[in-house]
Amino acid sequence: MAEAVVTSVLEEALRQASERIAKKITEGKKLTSIDVIILLLDQINRRIDDTNRRIDDLNTSLNKRIDDLSASLNKRIDDTNRKIDDLKEEVRLLKQEVSSIKSDIINLLKGRLTGT
C-alpha cells in the first residue's frame, strides 16, 4: 500500500517537473543538468510503465491459454474415463457370458459322462 502511494507521488512529481522543464524549453531557456536528469528519469519511468503493461497483457494472454488448454485436457480426460467405464462394462458382460458358456459346457460334459 505504502509503495503504491510513494510510486504515485513520485510519478506525479516527475510529471510536474517534466511539464515545468517543457515550459522552460519552449521559452528558450537553458536546461540544467538536473533538468536533463529529470527528463531522463521521466522517460525511463514511462518505458517501465509500458513494459509493465506489456507484461500484464502477456500474463493475461498466457493465463487464458493455460485455462483453455486445461479445459481441453479435462474434456479429453473425461472422454477417456467414459471410454474406460464403457470398456469395463463390456468386459463385465463378456465375463458373465463366458461364465455362462462354461457352465453350459460343464453341464453338457456331465450329461455325456453320466449318460443322460
PDB file of N, CA and C in Angstrom:
ATOM      1  N   MET A   1       0.831  -1.193   0.000  1.00  0.00           N
ATOM      2  CA  MET A   1       0.000   0.000   0.000  1.00  0.00           C
ATOM      3  C   MET A   1       0.869   1.247   0.000  1.00  0.00           C
ATOM      4  N   ALA A   2       1.825   1.320   0.941  1.00  0.00           N
ATOM      5  CA  ALA A   2       2.695   2.485   1.041  1.00  0.00           C
ATOM      6  C   ALA A   2       3.540   2.627  -0.225  1.00  0.00           C
ATOM      7  N   GLU A   3       3.953   1.488  -0.784  1.00  0.00           N
ATOM      8  CA  GLU A   3       4.761   1.517  -2.000  1.00  0.00           C
ATOM      9  C   GLU A   3       3.987   2.138  -3.161  1.00  0.00           C
ATOM     10  N   ALA A   4       2.709   1.800  -3.272  1.00  0.00           N
ATOM     11  CA  ALA A   4       1.872   2.350  -4.340  1.00  0.00           C
ATOM     12  C   ALA A   4       1.712   3.854  -4.184  1.00  0.00           C
ATOM     13  N   VAL A   5       1.569   4.312  -2.947  1.00  0.00           N
ATOM     14  CA  VAL A   5       1.419   5.746  -2.690  1.00  0.00           C
ATOM     15  C   VAL A   5       2.709   6.474  -3.045  1.00  0.00           C
ATOM     16  N   VAL A   6       3.839   5.918  -2.622  1.00  0.00           N
ATOM     17  CA  VAL A   6       5.130   6.542  -2.920  1.00  0.00           C
ATOM     18  C   VAL A   6       5.356   6.586  -4.419  1.00  0.00           C
ATOM     19  N   THR A   7       5.055   5.485  -5.091  1.00  0.00           N
ATOM     20  CA  THR A   7       5.219   5.436  -6.548  1.00  0.00           C
ATOM     21  C   THR A   7       4.334   6.470  -7.217  1.00  0.00           C
ATOM     22  N   SER A   8       3.097   6.571  -6.785  1.00  0.00           N
ATOM     23  CA  SER A   8       2.168   7.541  -7.356  1.00  0.00           C
ATOM     24  C   SER A   8       2.668   8.972  -7.147  1.00  0.00           C
ATOM     25  N   VAL A   9       3.163   9.267  -5.954  1.00  0.00           N
ATOM     26  CA  VAL A   9       3.676  10.615  -5.653  1.00  0.00           C
ATOM     27  C   VAL A   9       4.889  10.919  -6.514  1.00  0.00           C
ATOM     28  N   LEU A  10       5.788   9.932  -6.653  1.00  0.00           N
ATOM     29  CA  LEU A  10       6.980  10.138  -7.477  1.00  0.00           C
ATOM     30  C   LEU A  10       6.608  10.346  -8.946  1.00  0.00           C
ATOM     31  N   GLU A  11       5.662   9.579  -9.440  1.00  0.00           N
ATOM     32  CA  GLU A  11       5.220   9.743 -10.827  1.00  0.00           C
ATOM     33  C   GLU A  11       4.640  11.133 -11.044  1.00  0.00           C
ATOM     34  N   GLU A  12       3.842  11.588 -10.104  1.00  0.00           N
ATOM     35  CA  GLU A  12       3.251  12.929 -10.213  1.00  0.00           C
ATOM     36  C   GLU A  12       4.332  13.996 -10.150  1.00  0.00           C
ATOM     37  N   ALA A  13       5.321  13.831  -9.277  1.00  0.00           N
ATOM     38  CA  ALA A  13       6.419  14.793  -9.182  1.00  0.00           C
ATOM     39  C   ALA A  13       7.200  14.836 -10.487  1.00  0.00           C
ATOM     40  N   LEU A  14       7.471  13.681 -11.058  1.00  0.00           N
ATOM     41  CA  LEU A  14       8.176  13.632 -12.351  1.00  0.00           C
ATOM     42  C   LEU A  14       7.358  14.302 -13.449  1.00  0.00           C
ATOM     43  N   ARG A  15       6.059  14.048 -13.449  1.00  0.00           N
ATOM     44  CA  ARG A  15       5.198  14.641 -14.468  1.00  0.00           C
ATOM     45  C   ARG A  15       5.209  16.163 -14.369  1.00  0.00           C
ATOM     46  N   GLN A  16       5.052  16.663 -13.151  1.00  0.00           N
ATOM     47  CA  GLN A  16       5.038  18.112 -12.963  1.00  0.00           C
ATOM     48  C   GLN A  16       6.390  18.734 -13.310  1.00  0.00           C
ATOM     49  N   ALA A  17       7.476  18.075 -12.892  1.00  0.00           N
ATOM     50  CA  ALA A  17       8.814  18.589 -13.206  1.00  0.00           C
ATOM     51  C   ALA A  17       9.034  18.581 -14.714  1.00  0.00           C
ATOM     52  N   SER A  18       8.572  17.527 -15.392  1.00  0.00           N
ATOM     53  CA  SER A  18       8.731  17.451 -16.853  1.00  0.00           C
ATOM     54  C   SER A  18       7.941  18.555 -17.545  1.00  0.00           C
ATOM     55  N   GLU A  19       6.748  18.853 -17.042  1.00  0.00           N
ATOM     56  CA  GLU A  19       5.956  19.944 -17.616  1.00  0.00           C
ATOM     57  C   GLU A  19       6.675  21.289 -17.423  1.00  0.00           C
ATOM     58  N   ARG A  20       7.249  21.472 -16.248  1.00  0.00           N
ATOM     59  CA  ARG A  20       7.985  22.698 -15.967  1.00  0.00           C
ATOM     60  C   ARG A  20       9.192  22.821 -16.896  1.00  0.00           C
ATOM     61  N   ILE A  21       9.883  21.713 -17.104  1.00  0.00           N
ATOM     62  CA  ILE A  21      11.045  21.718 -17.990  1.00  0.00           C
ATOM     63  C   ILE A  21      10.611  21.953 -19.433  1.00  0.00           C
ATOM     64  N   ALA A  22       9.487  21.356 -19.836  1.00  0.00           N
ATOM     65  CA  ALA A  22       8.982  21.568 -21.199  1.00  0.00           C
ATOM     66  C   ALA A  22       8.664  23.044 -21.411  1.00  0.00           C
ATOM     67  N   LYS A  23       8.096  23.665 -20.401  1.00  0.00           N
ATOM     68  CA  LYS A  23       7.805  25.101 -20.491  1.00  0.00           C
ATOM     69  C   LYS A  23       9.106  25.886 -20.631  1.00  0.00           C
ATOM     70  N   LYS A  24      10.125  25.473 -19.890  1.00  0.00           N
ATOM     71  CA  LYS A  24      11.430  26.111 -19.965  1.00  0.00           C
ATOM     72  C   LYS A  24      11.988  26.018 -21.387  1.00  0.00           C
ATOM     73  N   ILE A  25      11.811  24.841 -21.987  1.00  0.00           N
ATOM     74  CA  ILE A  25      12.323  24.619 -23.349  1.00  0.00           C
ATOM     75  C   ILE A  25      11.591  25.521 -24.329  1.00  0.00           C
ATOM     76  N   THR A  26      10.267  25.609 -24.218  1.00  0.00           N
ATOM     77  CA  THR A  26       9.501  26.440 -25.150  1.00  0.00           C
ATOM     78  C   THR A  26       9.843  27.918 -25.004  1.00  0.00           C
ATOM     79  N   GLU A  27      10.295  28.305 -23.824  1.00  0.00           N
ATOM     80  CA  GLU A  27      10.689  29.701 -23.600  1.00  0.00           C
ATOM     81  C   GLU A  27      12.133  29.952 -24.033  1.00  0.00           C
ATOM     82  N   GLY A  28      12.799  28.877 -24.469  1.00  0.00           N
ATOM     83  CA  GLY A  28      14.161  29.026 -24.962  1.00  0.00           C
ATOM     84  C   GLY A  28      15.204  29.114 -23.864  1.00  0.00           C
ATOM     85  N   LYS A  29      14.845  28.750 -22.663  1.00  0.00           N
ATOM     86  CA  LYS A  29      15.791  28.815 -21.551  1.00  0.00           C
ATOM     87  C   LYS A  29      16.712  27.611 -21.586  1.00  0.00           C
ATOM     88  N   LYS A  30      17.873  27.795 -20.988  1.00  0.00           N
ATOM     89  CA  LYS A  30      18.883  26.746 -20.927  1.00  0.00           C
ATOM     90  C   LYS A  30      18.499  25.740 -19.834  1.00  0.00           C
ATOM     91  N   LEU A  31      18.703  24.443 -20.150  1.00  0.00           N
ATOM     92  CA  LEU A  31      18.404  23.390 -19.182  1.00  0.00           C
ATOM     93  C   LEU A  31      19.625  23.116 -18.311  1.00  0.00           C
ATOM     94  N   THR A  32      19.334  22.847 -17.054  1.00  0.00           N
ATOM     95  CA  THR A  32      20.404  22.462 -16.141  1.00  0.00           C
ATOM     96  C   THR A  32      20.609  20.952 -16.236  1.00  0.00           C
ATOM     97  N   SER A  33      21.692  20.492 -15.631  1.00  0.00           N
ATOM     98  CA  SER A  33      21.961  19.046 -15.603  1.00  0.00           C
ATOM     99  C   SER A  33      20.826  18.321 -14.889  1.00  0.00           C
ATOM    100  N   ILE A  34      20.299  18.910 -13.822  1.00  0.00           N
ATOM    101  CA  ILE A  34      19.185  18.312 -13.078  1.00  0.00           C
ATOM    102  C   ILE A  34      17.956  18.199 -13.974  1.00  0.00           C
ATOM    103  N   ASP A  35      17.706  19.233 -14.799  1.00  0.00           N
ATOM    104  CA  ASP A  35      16.559  19.189 -15.715  1.00  0.00           C
ATOM    105  C   ASP A  35      16.686  18.007 -16.670  1.00  0.00           C
ATOM    106  N   VAL A  36      17.886  17.817 -17.206  1.00  0.00           N
ATOM    107  CA  VAL A  36      18.112  16.710 -18.144  1.00  0.00           C
ATOM    108  C   VAL A  36      17.936  15.369 -17.424  1.00  0.00           C
ATOM    109  N   ILE A  37      18.435  15.262 -16.216  1.00  0.00           N
ATOM    110  CA  ILE A  37      18.282  14.018 -15.441  1.00  0.00           C
ATOM    111  C   ILE A  37      16.808  13.742 -15.171  1.00  0.00           C
ATOM    112  N   ILE A  38      16.054  14.791 -14.831  1.00  0.00           N
ATOM    113  CA  ILE A  38      14.616  14.616 -14.585  1.00  0.00           C
ATOM    114  C   ILE A  38      13.910  14.135 -15.845  1.00  0.00           C
ATOM    115  N   LEU A  39      14.261  14.712 -16.994  1.00  0.00           N
ATOM    116  CA  LEU A  39      13.657  14.259 -18.259  1.00  0.00           C
ATOM    117  C   LEU A  39      14.008  12.803 -18.541  1.00  0.00           C
ATOM    118  N   LEU A  40      15.260  12.424 -18.278  1.00  0.00           N
ATOM    119  CA  LEU A  40      15.668  11.029 -18.484  1.00  0.00           C
ATOM    120  C   LEU A  40      14.911  10.090 -17.536  1.00  0.00           C
ATOM    121  N   LEU A  41      14.785  10.504 -16.279  1.00  0.00           N
ATOM    122  CA  LEU A  41      14.039   9.691 -15.315  1.00  0.00           C
ATOM    123  C   LEU A  41      12.577   9.536 -15.748  1.00  0.00           C
ATOM    124  N   ASP A  42      12.002  10.617 -16.260  1.00  0.00           N
ATOM    125  CA  ASP A  42      10.619  10.556 -16.732  1.00  0.00           C
ATOM    126  C   ASP A  42      10.487   9.573 -17.890  1.00  0.00           C
ATOM    127  N   GLN A  43      11.439   9.606 -18.821  1.00  0.00           N
ATOM    128  CA  GLN A  43      11.398   8.679 -19.958  1.00  0.00           C
ATOM    129  C   GLN A  43      11.590   7.239 -19.493  1.00  0.00           C
ATOM    130  N   ILE A  44      12.513   7.033 -18.564  1.00  0.00           N
ATOM    131  CA  ILE A  44      12.724   5.683 -18.026  1.00  0.00           C
ATOM    132  C   ILE A  44      11.460   5.188 -17.343  1.00  0.00           C
ATOM    133  N   ASN A  45      10.839   6.057 -16.559  1.00  0.00           N
ATOM    134  CA  ASN A  45       9.605   5.685 -15.863  1.00  0.00           C
ATOM    135  C   ASN A  45       8.500   5.313 -16.853  1.00  0.00           C
ATOM    136  N   ARG A  46       8.384   6.079 -17.927  1.00  0.00           N
ATOM    137  CA  ARG A  46       7.364   5.774 -18.952  1.00  0.00           C
ATOM    138  C   ARG A  46       7.640   4.428 -19.621  1.00  0.00           C
ATOM    139  N   ARG A  47       8.900   4.174 -19.906  1.00  0.00           N
ATOM    140  CA  ARG A  47       9.245   2.898 -20.534  1.00  0.00           C
ATOM    141  C   ARG A  47       8.977   1.728 -19.593  1.00  0.00           C
ATOM    142  N   ILE A  48       9.274   1.929 -18.322  1.00  0.00           N
ATOM    143  CA  ILE A  48       8.979   0.878 -17.337  1.00  0.00           C
ATOM    144  C   ILE A  48       7.476   0.631 -17.280  1.00  0.00           C
ATOM    145  N   ASP A  49       6.688   1.712 -17.279  1.00  0.00           N
ATOM    146  CA  ASP A  49       5.231   1.562 -17.265  1.00  0.00           C
ATOM    147  C   ASP A  49       4.738   0.804 -18.495  1.00  0.00           C
ATOM    148  N   ASP A  50       5.298   1.156 -19.673  1.00  0.00           N
ATOM    149  CA  ASP A  50       4.912   0.455 -20.902  1.00  0.00           C
ATOM    150  C   ASP A  50       5.300  -1.028 -20.832  1.00  0.00           C
ATOM    151  N   THR A  51       6.493  -1.287 -20.327  1.00  0.00           N
ATOM    152  CA  THR A  51       6.947  -2.671 -20.200  1.00  0.00           C
ATOM    153  C   THR A  51       6.053  -3.444 -19.234  1.00  0.00           C
ATOM    154  N   ASN A  52       5.714  -2.826 -18.116  1.00  0.00           N
ATOM    155  CA  ASN A  52       4.809  -3.478 -17.155  1.00  0.00           C
ATOM    156  C   ASN A  52       3.460  -3.761 -17.779  1.00  0.00           C
ATOM    157  N   ARG A  53       2.960  -2.827 -18.588  1.00  0.00           N
ATOM    158  CA  ARG A  53       1.673  -3.029 -19.264  1.00  0.00           C
ATOM    159  C   ARG A  53       1.758  -4.213 -20.229  1.00  0.00           C
ATOM    160  N   ARG A  54       2.860  -4.271 -20.977  1.00  0.00           N
ATOM    161  CA  ARG A  54       3.025  -5.383 -21.917  1.00  0.00           C
ATOM    162  C   ARG A  54       3.145  -6.712 -21.169  1.00  0.00           C
ATOM    163  N   ILE A  55       3.852  -6.704 -20.054  1.00  0.00           N
ATOM    164  CA  ILE A  55       3.975  -7.925 -19.250  1.00  0.00           C
ATOM    165  C   ILE A  55       2.607  -8.347 -18.722  1.00  0.00           C
ATOM    166  N   ASP A  56       1.833  -7.387 -18.237  1.00  0.00           N
ATOM    167  CA  ASP A  56       0.481  -7.703 -17.747  1.00  0.00           C
ATOM    168  C   ASP A  56      -0.388  -8.276 -18.858  1.00  0.00           C
ATOM    169  N   ASP A  57      -0.309  -7.673 -20.063  1.00  0.00           N
ATOM    170  CA  ASP A  57      -1.086  -8.183 -21.201  1.00  0.00           C
ATOM    171  C   ASP A  57      -0.652  -9.598 -21.565  1.00  0.00           C
ATOM    172  N   LEU A  58       0.659  -9.813 -21.574  1.00  0.00           N
ATOM    173  CA  LEU A  58       1.188 -11.136 -21.890  1.00  0.00           C
ATOM    174  C   LEU A  58       0.765 -12.151 -20.839  1.00  0.00           C
ATOM    175  N   ASN A  59       0.797 -11.744 -19.584  1.00  0.00           N
ATOM    176  CA  ASN A  59       0.375 -12.618 -18.487  1.00  0.00           C
ATOM    177  C   ASN A  59      -1.104 -12.985 -18.622  1.00  0.00           C
ATOM    178  N   THR A  60      -1.932 -12.001 -18.941  1.00  0.00           N
ATOM    179  CA  THR A  60      -3.360 -12.259 -19.137  1.00  0.00           C
ATOM    180  C   THR A  60      -3.577 -13.233 -20.297  1.00  0.00           C
ATOM    181  N   SER A  61      -2.878 -12.993 -21.393  1.00  0.00           N
ATOM    182  CA  SER A  61      -2.997 -13.869 -22.562  1.00  0.00           C
ATOM    183  C   SER A  61      -2.525 -15.284 -22.235  1.00  0.00           C
ATOM    184  N   LEU A  62      -1.421 -15.377 -21.537  1.00  0.00           N
ATOM    185  CA  LEU A  62      -0.886 -16.688 -21.179  1.00  0.00           C
ATOM    186  C   LEU A  62      -1.836 -17.430 -20.241  1.00  0.00           C
ATOM    187  N   ASN A  63      -2.382 -16.721 -19.260  1.00  0.00           N
ATOM    188  CA  ASN A  63      -3.342 -17.349 -18.345  1.00  0.00           C
ATOM    189  C   ASN A  63      -4.567 -17.854 -19.085  1.00  0.00           C
ATOM    190  N   LYS A  64      -5.039 -17.093 -20.086  1.00  0.00           N
ATOM    191  CA  LYS A  64      -6.199 -17.526 -20.878  1.00  0.00           C
ATOM    192  C   LYS A  64      -5.856 -18.797 -21.661  1.00  0.00           C
ATOM    193  N   ARG A  65      -4.665 -18.815 -22.251  1.00  0.00           N
ATOM    194  CA  ARG A  65      -4.255 -20.005 -23.000  1.00  0.00           C
ATOM    195  C   ARG A  65      -4.145 -21.221 -22.083  1.00  0.00           C
ATOM    196  N   ILE A  66      -3.607 -21.004 -20.876  1.00  0.00           N
ATOM    197  CA  ILE A  66      -3.490 -22.103 -19.911  1.00  0.00           C
ATOM    198  C   ILE A  66      -4.881 -22.600 -19.511  1.00  0.00           C
ATOM    199  N   ASP A  67      -5.801 -21.670 -19.259  1.00  0.00           N
ATOM    200  CA  ASP A  67      -7.168 -22.059 -18.894  1.00  0.00           C
ATOM    201  C   ASP A  67      -7.845 -22.830 -20.030  1.00  0.00           C
ATOM    202  N   ASP A  68      -7.652 -22.356 -21.271  1.00  0.00           N
ATOM    203  CA  ASP A  68      -8.238 -23.052 -22.428  1.00  0.00           C
ATOM    204  C   ASP A  68      -7.657 -24.457 -22.566  1.00  0.00           C
ATOM    205  N   LEU A  69      -6.345 -24.561 -22.398  1.00  0.00           N
ATOM    206  CA  LEU A  69      -5.689 -25.861 -22.505  1.00  0.00           C
ATOM    207  C   LEU A  69      -6.162 -26.797 -21.394  1.00  0.00           C
ATOM    208  N   SER A  70      -6.285 -26.253 -20.203  1.00  0.00           N
ATOM    209  CA  SER A  70      -6.763 -27.050 -19.065  1.00  0.00           C
ATOM    210  C   SER A  70      -8.179 -27.573 -19.325  1.00  0.00           C
ATOM    211  N   ALA A  71      -9.041 -26.713 -19.839  1.00  0.00           N
ATOM    212  CA  ALA A  71     -10.413 -27.129 -20.144  1.00  0.00           C
ATOM    213  C   ALA A  71     -10.414 -28.228 -21.205  1.00  0.00           C
ATOM    214  N   SER A  72      -9.567 -28.064 -22.218  1.00  0.00           N
ATOM    215  CA  SER A  72      -9.484 -29.063 -23.280  1.00  0.00           C
ATOM    216  C   SER A  72      -8.975 -30.399 -22.739  1.00  0.00           C
ATOM    217  N   LEU A  73      -7.946 -30.341 -21.901  1.00  0.00           N
ATOM    218  CA  LEU A  73      -7.408 -31.574 -21.315  1.00  0.00           C
ATOM    219  C   LEU A  73      -8.428 -32.242 -20.399  1.00  0.00           C
ATOM    220  N   ASN A  74      -9.139 -31.444 -19.616  1.00  0.00           N
ATOM    221  CA  ASN A  74     -10.165 -32.007 -18.735  1.00  0.00           C
ATOM    222  C   ASN A  74     -11.245 -32.718 -19.537  1.00  0.00           C
ATOM    223  N   LYS A  75     -11.619 -32.114 -20.685  1.00  0.00           N
ATOM    224  CA  LYS A  75     -12.631 -32.751 -21.537  1.00  0.00           C
ATOM    225  C   LYS A  75     -12.104 -34.086 -22.077  1.00  0.00           C
ATOM    226  N   ARG A  76     -10.845 -34.069 -22.516  1.00  0.00           N
ATOM    227  CA  ARG A  76     -10.268 -35.308 -23.054  1.00  0.00           C
ATOM    228  C   ARG A  76     -10.158 -36.377 -21.966  1.00  0.00           C
ATOM    229  N   ILE A  77      -9.792 -35.956 -20.766  1.00  0.00           N
ATOM    230  CA  ILE A  77      -9.705 -36.905 -19.651  1.00  0.00           C
ATOM    231  C   ILE A  77     -11.086 -37.473 -19.341  1.00  0.00           C
ATOM    232  N   ASP A  78     -12.101 -36.617 -19.339  1.00  0.00           N
ATOM    233  CA  ASP A  78     -13.466 -37.086 -19.093  1.00  0.00           C
ATOM    234  C   ASP A  78     -13.902 -38.077 -20.169  1.00  0.00           C
ATOM    235  N   ASP A  79     -13.570 -37.783 -21.435  1.00  0.00           N
ATOM    236  CA  ASP A  79     -13.915 -38.692 -22.534  1.00  0.00           C
ATOM    237  C   ASP A  79     -13.208 -40.034 -22.361  1.00  0.00           C
ATOM    238  N   THR A  80     -11.931 -39.974 -21.984  1.00  0.00           N
ATOM    239  CA  THR A  80     -11.158 -41.205 -21.783  1.00  0.00           C
ATOM    240  C   THR A  80     -11.734 -42.018 -20.623  1.00  0.00           C
ATOM    241  N   ASN A  81     -12.089 -41.340 -19.551  1.00  0.00           N
ATOM    242  CA  ASN A  81     -12.702 -42.037 -18.407  1.00  0.00           C
ATOM    243  C   ASN A  81     -14.017 -42.694 -18.804  1.00  0.00           C
ATOM    244  N   ARG A  82     -14.804 -42.001 -19.621  1.00  0.00           N
ATOM    245  CA  ARG A  82     -16.072 -42.573 -20.091  1.00  0.00           C
ATOM    246  C   ARG A  82     -15.805 -43.823 -20.933  1.00  0.00           C
ATOM    247  N   LYS A  83     -14.797 -43.763 -21.804  1.00  0.00           N
ATOM    248  CA  LYS A  83     -14.463 -44.928 -22.633  1.00  0.00           C
ATOM    249  C   LYS A  83     -13.986 -46.097 -21.772  1.00  0.00           C
ATOM    250  N   ILE A  84     -13.197 -45.781 -20.753  1.00  0.00           N
ATOM    251  CA  ILE A  84     -12.733 -46.840 -19.839  1.00  0.00           C
ATOM    252  C   ILE A  84     -13.918 -47.474 -19.127  1.00  0.00           C
ATOM    253  N   ASP A  85     -14.848 -46.642 -18.664  1.00  0.00           N
ATOM    254  CA  ASP A  85     -16.044 -47.174 -17.997  1.00  0.00           C
ATOM    255  C   ASP A  85     -16.845 -48.054 -18.942  1.00  0.00           C
ATOM    256  N   ASP A  86     -16.965 -47.630 -20.208  1.00  0.00           N
ATOM    257  CA  ASP A  86     -17.683 -48.439 -21.201  1.00  0.00           C
ATOM    258  C   ASP A  86     -16.973 -49.784 -21.412  1.00  0.00           C
ATOM    259  N   LEU A  87     -15.654 -49.761 -21.492  1.00  0.00           N
ATOM    260  CA  LEU A  87     -14.887 -50.993 -21.683  1.00  0.00           C
ATOM    261  C   LEU A  87     -15.016 -51.916 -20.466  1.00  0.00           C
ATOM    262  N   LYS A  88     -15.008 -51.327 -19.277  1.00  0.00           N
ATOM    263  CA  LYS A  88     -15.188 -52.138 -18.061  1.00  0.00           C
ATOM    264  C   LYS A  88     -16.532 -52.859 -18.100  1.00  0.00           C
ATOM    265  N   GLU A  89     -17.549 -52.142 -18.525  1.00  0.00           N
ATOM    266  CA  GLU A  89     -18.885 -52.758 -18.615  1.00  0.00           C
ATOM    267  C   GLU A  89     -18.895 -53.879 -19.651  1.00  0.00           C
ATOM    268  N   GLU A  90     -18.241 -53.659 -20.792  1.00  0.00           N
ATOM    269  CA  GLU A  90     -18.176 -54.699 -21.825  1.00  0.00           C
ATOM    270  C   GLU A  90     -17.431 -55.925 -21.311  1.00  0.00           C
ATOM    271  N   VAL A  91     -16.319 -55.701 -20.594  1.00  0.00           N
ATOM    272  CA  VAL A  91     -15.550 -56.820 -20.036  1.00  0.00           C
ATOM    273  C   VAL A  91     -16.404 -57.564 -19.013  1.00  0.00           C
ATOM    274  N   ARG A  92     -17.138 -56.843 -18.192  1.00  0.00           N
ATOM    275  CA  ARG A  92     -18.010 -57.482 -17.198  1.00  0.00           C
ATOM    276  C   ARG A  92     -19.053 -58.366 -17.893  1.00  0.00           C
ATOM    277  N   LEU A  93     -19.665 -57.834 -18.972  1.00  0.00           N
ATOM    278  CA  LEU A  93     -20.667 -58.608 -19.709  1.00  0.00           C
ATOM    279  C   LEU A  93     -20.048 -59.828 -20.383  1.00  0.00           C
ATOM    280  N   LEU A  94     -18.844 -59.659 -20.945  1.00  0.00           N
ATOM    281  CA  LEU A  94     -18.158 -60.791 -21.582  1.00  0.00           C
ATOM    282  C   LEU A  94     -17.809 -61.861 -20.556  1.00  0.00           C
ATOM    283  N   LYS A  95     -17.392 -61.419 -19.370  1.00  0.00           N
ATOM    284  CA  LYS A  95     -17.071 -62.359 -18.294  1.00  0.00           C
ATOM    285  C   LYS A  95     -18.310 -63.170 -17.896  1.00  0.00           C
ATOM    286  N   GLN A  96     -19.445 -62.482 -17.812  1.00  0.00           N
ATOM    287  CA  GLN A  96     -20.706 -63.189 -17.498  1.00  0.00           C
ATOM    288  C   GLN A  96     -21.041 -64.205 -18.584  1.00  0.00           C
ATOM    289  N   GLU A  97     -20.854 -63.771 -19.846  1.00  0.00           N
ATOM    290  CA  GLU A  97     -21.190 -64.660 -20.965  1.00  0.00           C
ATOM    291  C   GLU A  97     -20.266 -65.872 -20.983  1.00  0.00           C
ATOM    292  N   VAL A  98     -18.962 -65.641 -20.749  1.00  0.00           N
ATOM    293  CA  VAL A  98     -18.006 -66.755 -20.724  1.00  0.00           C
ATOM    294  C   VAL A  98     -18.340 -67.696 -19.568  1.00  0.00           C
ATOM    295  N   SER A  99     -18.696 -67.128 -18.421  1.00  0.00           N
ATOM    296  CA  SER A  99     -19.063 -67.944 -17.269  1.00  0.00           C
ATOM    297  C   SER A  99     -20.299 -68.787 -17.572  1.00  0.00           C
ATOM    298  N   SER A 100     -21.251 -68.200 -18.272  1.00  0.00           N
ATOM    299  CA  SER A 100     -22.470 -68.920 -18.637  1.00  0.00           C
ATOM    300  C   SER A 100     -22.154 -70.056 -19.620  1.00  0.00           C
ATOM    301  N   ILE A 101     -21.306 -69.756 -20.608  1.00  0.00           N
ATOM    302  CA  ILE A 101     -20.916 -70.780 -21.589  1.00  0.00           C
ATOM    303  C   ILE A 101     -20.154 -71.905 -20.887  1.00  0.00           C
ATOM    304  N   LYS A 102     -19.286 -71.528 -19.961  1.00  0.00           N
ATOM    305  CA  LYS A 102     -18.522 -72.512 -19.192  1.00  0.00           C
ATOM    306  C   LYS A 102     -19.466 -73.439 -18.420  1.00  0.00           C
ATOM    307  N   SER A 103     -20.466 -72.830 -17.785  1.00  0.00           N
ATOM    308  CA  SER A 103     -21.448 -73.637 -17.042  1.00  0.00           C
ATOM    309  C   SER A 103     -22.197 -74.575 -17.971  1.00  0.00           C
ATOM    310  N   ASP A 104     -22.573 -74.084 -19.154  1.00  0.00           N
ATOM    311  CA  ASP A 104     -23.282 -74.916 -20.129  1.00  0.00           C
ATOM    312  C   ASP A 104     -22.406 -76.078 -20.580  1.00  0.00           C
ATOM    313  N   ILE A 105     -21.135 -75.814 -20.828  1.00  0.00           N
ATOM    314  CA  ILE A 105     -20.220 -76.876 -21.285  1.00  0.00           C
ATOM    315  C   ILE A 105     -20.037 -77.913 -20.182  1.00  0.00           C
ATOM    316  N   ILE A 106     -19.883 -77.448 -18.954  1.00  0.00           N
ATOM    317  CA  ILE A 106     -19.729 -78.376 -17.829  1.00  0.00           C
ATOM    318  C   ILE A 106     -20.974 -79.257 -17.710  1.00  0.00           C
ATOM    319  N   ASN A 107     -22.142 -78.656 -17.837  1.00  0.00           N
ATOM    320  CA  ASN A 107     -23.390 -79.426 -17.753  1.00  0.00           C
ATOM    321  C   ASN A 107     -23.495 -80.432 -18.888  1.00  0.00           C
ATOM    322  N   LEU A 108     -23.080 -80.026 -20.105  1.00  0.00           N
ATOM    323  CA  LEU A 108     -23.108 -80.954 -21.247  1.00  0.00           C
ATOM    324  C   LEU A 108     -22.157 -82.125 -21.021  1.00  0.00           C
ATOM    325  N   LEU A 109     -20.949 -81.811 -20.522  1.00  0.00           N
ATOM    326  CA  LEU A 109     -19.977 -82.860 -20.276  1.00  0.00           C
ATOM    327  C   LEU A 109     -20.463 -83.821 -19.179  1.00  0.00           C
ATOM    328  N   LYS A 110     -21.075 -83.253 -18.142  1.00  0.00           N
ATOM    329  CA  LYS A 110     -21.632 -84.108 -17.065  1.00  0.00           C
ATOM    330  C   LYS A 110     -22.698 -85.027 -17.632  1.00  0.00           C
ATOM    331  N   GLY A 111     -23.521 -84.462 -18.504  1.00  0.00           N
ATOM    332  CA  GLY A 111     -24.594 -85.261 -19.096  1.00  0.00           C
ATOM    333  C   GLY A 111     -24.040 -86.377 -19.947  1.00  0.00           C
ATOM    334  N   ARG A 112     -23.001 -86.167 -20.704  1.00  0.00           N
ATOM    335  CA  ARG A 112     -22.399 -87.203 -21.544  1.00  0.00           C
ATOM    336  C   ARG A 112     -21.690 -88.247 -20.681  1.00  0.00           C
ATOM    337  N   LEU A 113     -21.067 -87.790 -19.633  1.00  0.00           N
ATOM    338  CA  LEU A 113     -20.351 -88.732 -18.781  1.00  0.00           C
ATOM    339  C   LEU A 113     -21.310 -89.623 -17.991  1.00  0.00           C
ATOM    340  N   THR A 114     -22.416 -89.061 -17.585  1.00  0.00           N
ATOM    341  CA  THR A 114     -23.394 -89.836 -16.816  1.00  0.00           C
ATOM    342  C   THR A 114     -24.365 -90.582 -17.732  1.00  0.00           C
ATOM    343  N   GLY A 115     -24.349 -90.228 -18.988  1.00  0.00           N
ATOM    344  CA  GLY A 115     -25.184 -90.920 -19.953  1.00  0.00           C
ATOM    345  C   GLY A 115     -26.603 -90.403 -20.008  1.00  0.00           C
ATOM    346  N   THR A 116     -26.872 -89.258 -19.465  1.00  0.00           N
ATOM    347  CA  THR A 116     -28.241 -88.764 -19.513  1.00  0.00           C
ATOM    348  C   THR A 116     -28.433 -87.746 -20.574  1.00  0.00           C
TER     349      THR A 116
END
